[in-house]
Structures are given as C-alpha cells and as structure tokens.
Protein backbone atom coordinates (compact mmCIF):
# COMPACT_ATOMS: atom_id res chain seq x y z
CA UNK A 1 -33.07 -30.62 -13.58
CA UNK A 2 -31.51 -28.41 -16.23
CA UNK A 3 -33.30 -25.70 -18.17
CA UNK A 4 -32.67 -26.05 -21.91
CA UNK A 5 -31.22 -22.52 -21.80
CA UNK A 6 -28.53 -23.80 -19.39
CA UNK A 7 -27.90 -27.09 -21.19
CA UNK A 8 -24.83 -28.10 -23.12
CA UNK A 9 -25.51 -30.74 -25.74
CA UNK A 10 -23.03 -32.79 -27.75
CA UNK A 11 -23.71 -34.04 -31.30
CA UNK A 12 -21.57 -37.03 -32.32
CA UNK A 13 -21.09 -37.32 -36.09
CA UNK A 14 -18.61 -37.94 -38.86
CA UNK A 15 -18.57 -37.76 -42.64
CA UNK A 16 -21.81 -39.05 -44.16
CA UNK A 17 -24.28 -37.76 -41.57
CA UNK A 18 -27.75 -37.13 -42.87
CA UNK A 19 -27.75 -33.37 -43.34
CA UNK A 20 -31.16 -32.58 -41.82
CA UNK A 21 -30.63 -34.99 -38.91
CA UNK A 22 -27.64 -32.95 -37.72
CA UNK A 23 -28.67 -29.44 -38.85
CA UNK A 24 -32.24 -29.47 -37.50
CA UNK A 25 -31.28 -30.51 -33.93
CA UNK A 26 -28.26 -28.20 -34.00
CA UNK A 27 -30.27 -25.19 -35.12
CA UNK A 28 -33.43 -25.81 -33.11
CA UNK A 29 -31.60 -26.60 -29.86
CA UNK A 30 -29.48 -23.46 -30.28
CA UNK A 31 -32.69 -21.45 -30.97
CA UNK A 32 -34.00 -22.71 -27.64
CA UNK A 33 -30.86 -21.44 -25.91
CA UNK A 34 -28.83 -24.62 -25.50
CA UNK A 35 -25.09 -24.62 -26.14
CA UNK A 36 -24.50 -27.27 -28.82
CA UNK A 37 -21.08 -28.68 -29.70
CA UNK A 38 -20.05 -31.22 -32.32
CA UNK A 39 -17.55 -34.01 -31.77
CA UNK A 40 -16.13 -36.30 -34.43
CA UNK A 41 -13.30 -38.74 -34.99
CA UNK A 42 -10.96 -35.84 -35.91
CA UNK A 43 -11.20 -32.14 -35.34
CA UNK A 44 -11.81 -31.31 -38.99
CA UNK A 45 -14.98 -30.23 -40.82
CA UNK A 46 -17.26 -33.15 -41.65
CA UNK A 47 -19.28 -33.58 -44.81
CA UNK A 48 -23.01 -34.30 -44.95
CA UNK A 49 -24.85 -36.71 -47.22
CA UNK A 50 -27.84 -34.99 -48.83
CA UNK A 51 -30.18 -37.44 -50.65
CA UNK A 52 -27.93 -38.86 -53.39
CA UNK A 53 -24.65 -37.01 -53.06
CA UNK A 54 -22.26 -35.26 -50.66
CA UNK A 55 -23.62 -32.04 -49.22
CA UNK A 56 -22.17 -29.20 -47.22
CA UNK A 57 -19.83 -29.39 -44.26
CA UNK A 58 -20.05 -28.46 -40.61
CA UNK A 59 -17.20 -27.51 -38.31
CA UNK A 60 -16.20 -29.84 -35.54
CA UNK A 61 -15.52 -28.49 -32.04
CA UNK A 62 -13.79 -31.54 -30.52
CA UNK A 63 -12.29 -34.88 -31.38
CA UNK A 64 -14.08 -37.73 -29.55
CA UNK A 65 -10.92 -38.37 -27.57
CA UNK A 66 -11.11 -34.83 -26.10
CA UNK A 67 -14.72 -35.09 -24.84
CA UNK A 68 -15.72 -35.54 -21.23
CA UNK A 69 -19.29 -36.67 -20.50
CA UNK A 70 -19.35 -34.55 -17.36
CA UNK A 71 -19.36 -31.41 -19.57
CA UNK A 72 -22.69 -32.25 -21.29
CA UNK A 73 -26.33 -32.76 -20.46
CA UNK A 74 -27.17 -34.84 -23.55
CA UNK A 75 -25.77 -36.70 -26.56
CA UNK A 76 -27.39 -36.55 -29.99
CA UNK A 77 -26.52 -39.08 -32.71
CA UNK A 78 -27.70 -38.19 -36.24
CA UNK A 79 -28.26 -40.91 -38.77
CA UNK A 80 -27.61 -41.42 -42.41
CA UNK A 81 -26.24 -44.84 -43.33
CA UNK A 82 -22.57 -43.81 -43.54
CA UNK A 83 -22.21 -41.78 -40.32
CA UNK A 84 -23.26 -44.33 -37.68
CA UNK A 85 -21.71 -47.21 -39.59
CA UNK A 86 -18.30 -45.54 -39.41
CA UNK A 87 -18.78 -44.43 -35.78
CA UNK A 88 -19.82 -47.86 -34.53
CA UNK A 89 -16.46 -49.30 -35.65
CA UNK A 90 -14.49 -46.71 -33.64
CA UNK A 91 -13.70 -47.82 -30.07
CA UNK A 92 -13.56 -44.26 -28.69
CA UNK A 93 -16.95 -43.30 -30.20
CA UNK A 94 -18.57 -46.45 -28.83
CA UNK A 95 -17.01 -45.85 -25.39
CA UNK A 96 -18.37 -42.30 -25.40
CA UNK A 97 -21.88 -43.60 -26.07
CA UNK A 98 -21.51 -46.19 -23.31
CA UNK A 99 -20.28 -43.50 -20.92
CA UNK A 100 -23.28 -41.29 -21.68
CA UNK A 101 -25.64 -44.21 -21.15
CA UNK A 102 -23.95 -45.13 -17.87
CA UNK A 103 -24.18 -41.49 -16.68
CA UNK A 104 -28.00 -41.42 -16.89
CA UNK A 105 -27.84 -38.39 -19.15
CA UNK A 106 -30.06 -38.05 -22.18
CA UNK A 107 -28.98 -40.02 -25.28
CA UNK A 108 -30.87 -39.39 -28.51
CA UNK A 109 -30.44 -41.19 -31.83
CA UNK A 110 -32.36 -40.82 -35.05
CA UNK A 111 -32.71 -42.94 -38.23
CA UNK A 112 -29.64 -45.20 -38.50
CA UNK A 113 -28.14 -43.55 -35.37
CA UNK A 114 -29.45 -46.38 -33.12
CA UNK A 115 -26.72 -48.58 -34.71
CA UNK A 116 -24.40 -46.88 -32.16
CA UNK A 117 -26.80 -47.77 -29.35
CA UNK A 118 -26.78 -51.35 -30.63
CA UNK A 119 -22.98 -51.43 -30.60
CA UNK A 120 -22.95 -49.91 -27.11
CA UNK A 121 -25.37 -52.59 -25.89
CA UNK A 122 -27.72 -49.86 -24.72
CA UNK A 123 -31.05 -51.17 -26.06
CA UNK A 124 -31.53 -54.51 -24.32
CA UNK A 125 -34.92 -54.56 -22.59
CA UNK A 126 -35.95 -51.12 -23.88
CA UNK A 127 -38.52 -49.82 -26.34
CA UNK A 128 -36.93 -48.15 -29.33
CA UNK A 129 -37.48 -47.14 -32.91
CA UNK A 130 -35.24 -46.48 -35.88
CA UNK A 131 -35.21 -46.30 -39.64
CA UNK A 132 -37.17 -49.33 -40.79
CA UNK A 133 -34.23 -51.01 -42.55
CA UNK A 134 -32.35 -51.51 -39.23
CA UNK A 135 -35.43 -52.71 -37.32
CA UNK A 136 -34.03 -56.30 -37.17
CA UNK A 137 -30.66 -55.03 -35.83
CA UNK A 138 -32.48 -53.11 -33.09
CA UNK A 139 -34.63 -56.13 -32.23
CA UNK A 140 -31.58 -58.47 -32.24
CA UNK A 141 -29.95 -56.10 -29.74
CA UNK A 142 -32.80 -56.92 -27.35
CA UNK A 143 -35.09 -53.93 -27.87
CA UNK A 144 -38.79 -53.95 -28.46
CA UNK A 145 -38.98 -52.11 -31.80
CA UNK A 146 -42.05 -49.92 -32.36
CA UNK A 147 -43.03 -47.84 -35.39
CA UNK A 148 -43.54 -44.41 -33.77
CA UNK A 149 -42.19 -40.91 -34.43
CA UNK A 150 -40.27 -40.80 -31.20
CA UNK A 151 -39.77 -43.35 -28.47
CA UNK A 152 -38.27 -42.65 -25.04
CA UNK A 153 -37.22 -45.28 -22.51
CA UNK A 154 -35.53 -43.95 -19.37
CA UNK A 155 -33.88 -41.01 -21.17
CA UNK A 156 -32.84 -42.88 -24.29
CA UNK A 157 -34.65 -41.25 -27.22
CA UNK A 158 -34.96 -42.86 -30.66
CA UNK A 159 -36.65 -41.60 -33.79
CA UNK A 160 -37.29 -43.01 -37.28
CA UNK A 161 -36.38 -40.47 -39.97
CA UNK A 162 -36.08 -36.78 -40.97
CA UNK A 163 -39.89 -36.46 -40.97
CA UNK A 164 -39.84 -37.02 -37.22
CA UNK A 165 -37.26 -34.34 -36.35
CA UNK A 166 -39.68 -31.84 -34.76
CA UNK A 167 -40.95 -34.47 -32.35
CA UNK A 168 -37.34 -35.71 -31.82
CA UNK A 169 -36.04 -32.26 -30.85
CA UNK A 170 -39.06 -31.57 -28.63
CA UNK A 171 -38.45 -34.80 -26.77
CA UNK A 172 -34.76 -33.95 -26.31
CA UNK A 173 -35.73 -30.63 -24.70
CA UNK A 174 -38.30 -32.35 -22.48
CA UNK A 175 -35.89 -35.06 -21.30
CA UNK A 176 -33.00 -32.68 -20.67
CA UNK A 177 -35.28 -30.55 -18.51
CA UNK A 178 -36.47 -33.67 -16.69
CA UNK A 179 -32.92 -34.52 -15.60
CA UNK A 180 -30.86 -37.68 -15.18
CA UNK A 181 -32.50 -41.12 -15.55
CA UNK A 182 -31.93 -44.23 -13.52
CA UNK A 183 -31.02 -47.05 -15.85
CA UNK A 184 -28.61 -49.91 -16.16
CA UNK A 185 -25.22 -49.14 -17.58
CA UNK A 186 -24.34 -50.19 -21.11
C-alpha cells in the first residue's frame, strides 16, 4: 500500500485533452501530496480543448517512449474527443496502457478516455462507465456499461464527464492507497 503523499502518478495526454479533465486531477492530486507527471507523444507542451476552441497549454515531463511503469503508482487518462482518439492510434501509448493494466497498478480514465482502455483490451468482463456517446464502444469491448459518476473494477477506474471529477479524484486516491490489484493482463 502506498500513501498518496508517497505516490507518483502519470497523466497520459496529448493535444486536445479536455482542460478540466487534466487540470483537476493534476491540481487535486498534487494538493494531496502526490507527485504527478505528464507524458505525451512528444516532449513538447500540449494544448487543451476548452468547450468550443483551443485552450491553454501544459508542459510535458516525458515522451511516452521514455516512461517506465515501474516508476509510477497510477495512470490517469483525461478525455476530450481529440486526446484519446489520437492516443489510441499510437502503438507506444496503447502499449503503455496495456503495461499499466498488466502491472495491477491503478488505471483511471474519464469521459472519452476509456477509448484507450478499449484499444488496450482492458475492459472485457468489467464494469465501466464513460461519456455517454462512447457507451456502445465500451459495451462492444466486453464491458458492462453503467451510468454512474465513478466505477471501479479491480483498480480500473472510469468516470463519465467533468461533473464527476471530484468523485473520480477521490477514487484515484482511495485505490492508490489500497495498492495493486489482481486482474487479468490486457
């Protein structure tokens, strides 16, 4: 078990992430004492999507190719339509998600973020939620889709939208402190 104050958490994102779905976990997890790093396809600042236009940027700590799962206690995948759609087409990003799932460490995805879990074949036989427009994708990946703020199944956390972020972050903290989870590999 890891105290949140001793935890290191990785956020995986690229251009087009939903601003609040990256910023709220980043800020709230840091406020709770976790070290939070951001990985992307390249080690360059990435731009958010805020409602109907591009928003601000956030600095990237590592390229996906430079990340080792052993250095982190959890993976957080923000949504937005653009961000996970780009990431799920990148072999290194999908492999990183698969490696986190196989490790038993916490994996958390919000809104359209579960698209990466679909691509990593991590949802088969699990309960999950997502933004309502990708419900069919989640179900077709073998998950039992439920309409709840936050759903956890053996350390894989999913949430629906920015309105659920407080519950999403609280569940990340709880699951990190609970420790590794036994589950089948992706």
